[in-house]
Protein backbone atom coordinates (compact mmCIF):
# COMPACT_ATOMS: atom_id res chain seq x y z
CA MET A 1 158.96 18.82 18.69
CA LYS A 2 155.73 19.92 17.37
CA LYS A 3 154.40 19.14 13.65
CA ASP A 4 154.17 22.88 13.36
CA ASP A 5 157.68 23.31 14.12
CA ASP A 6 158.64 20.66 11.72
CA LYS A 7 157.12 22.88 8.90
CA ASP A 8 159.46 25.63 9.91
CA ARG A 9 162.84 23.71 9.63
CA LEU A 10 164.89 24.45 6.77
CA VAL A 11 165.23 21.87 3.90
CA VAL A 12 167.40 22.03 0.80
CA ALA A 13 165.14 22.94 -2.31
CA ALA A 14 168.06 22.90 -4.71
CA THR A 15 172.01 23.11 -4.98
CA TYR A 16 174.15 25.00 -7.42
CA PRO A 17 177.81 24.95 -8.57
CA ASP A 18 178.17 28.72 -8.40
CA ASP A 19 176.91 31.90 -6.52
CA VAL A 20 175.48 33.28 -9.61
CA SER A 21 173.07 30.64 -10.40
CA ALA A 22 172.21 30.32 -6.75
CA HIS A 23 171.47 33.87 -6.34
CA ILE A 24 169.33 34.02 -9.63
CA ALA A 25 167.21 31.24 -8.01
CA LEU A 26 167.13 32.90 -4.66
CA GLY A 27 165.64 36.39 -6.22
CA MET A 28 163.15 34.52 -8.23
CA LEU A 29 161.87 32.68 -5.04
CA ARG A 30 161.87 35.73 -3.04
CA SER A 31 160.06 37.73 -5.78
CA HIS A 32 157.25 35.16 -5.48
CA GLY A 33 156.93 35.44 -1.53
CA VAL A 34 158.89 32.29 -0.75
CA GLU A 35 161.32 32.97 2.11
CA CYS A 36 164.88 31.38 1.41
CA VAL A 37 168.51 31.63 2.32
CA LEU A 38 171.76 30.30 0.86
CA ASN A 39 174.33 28.11 2.56
CA ASN A 40 178.01 27.65 1.68
CA GLU A 41 177.83 30.82 -0.68
CA TYR A 42 181.09 32.53 0.69
CA THR A 43 183.33 29.58 1.22
CA SER A 44 184.91 29.93 -2.03
CA ASP A 45 185.25 33.83 -1.53
CA VAL A 46 187.02 33.20 1.64
CA PHE A 47 189.44 30.65 0.85
CA ALA A 48 189.89 31.67 -2.82
CA LEU A 49 188.97 28.26 -4.20
CA PRO A 50 186.17 27.13 -6.60
CA THR A 51 183.04 26.24 -4.75
CA ALA A 52 183.17 22.59 -5.88
CA VAL A 53 186.20 22.02 -3.64
CA PHE A 54 183.79 22.52 -0.62
CA GLY A 55 180.46 21.23 -2.20
CA GLN A 56 177.49 22.87 -3.81
CA ILE A 57 175.86 26.12 -2.71
CA ARG A 58 172.48 25.07 -0.87
CA LEU A 59 169.23 26.94 -1.56
CA LEU A 60 167.21 26.37 1.80
CA VAL A 61 163.55 27.08 2.17
CA ARG A 62 160.87 26.34 5.05
CA GLU A 63 159.58 22.68 4.73
CA ARG A 64 156.03 24.07 4.35
CA ASP A 65 157.13 26.26 1.35
CA LEU A 66 159.28 23.27 -0.41
CA HIS A 67 156.52 22.25 -2.83
CA GLU A 68 155.97 25.84 -3.95
CA ALA A 69 159.72 26.43 -4.30
CA LEU A 70 160.22 23.30 -6.30
CA SER A 71 157.55 24.05 -8.62
CA LEU A 72 158.81 27.53 -9.25
CA LEU A 73 162.40 26.32 -9.68
CA SER A 74 161.26 23.57 -12.12
CA HIS A 75 159.15 26.15 -14.25
CA PRO A 76 160.89 29.27 -14.20
CA ASP A 77 159.18 30.36 -17.47
CA ARG A 78 155.75 30.13 -15.61
CA ALA A 79 157.21 31.78 -12.69
CA ASP A 80 158.03 34.91 -14.71
CA ASP A 81 154.49 35.14 -16.17
CA SER A 82 152.98 35.05 -12.69
CA GLY A 83 155.13 37.63 -11.02
CA ARG A 84 153.74 39.26 -8.13
């Protein structure tokens, strides 16, 4: 695998206990141009059990975007001021 391919692989940027929190973070990152997806978000809907039973909802980003995503997630107040 090439090093460039490694930068395209998905990595976990954050985990959330519920889909509302996960979707807020997803929307904020996407509004700043960071491509991302959620993993494990529908498990609790399908089985009608709390997400905690199956683990956290994972917010995935490309490895090359991880630093920017972590920066935005750790300082959401700054992210709001710099919106695109």
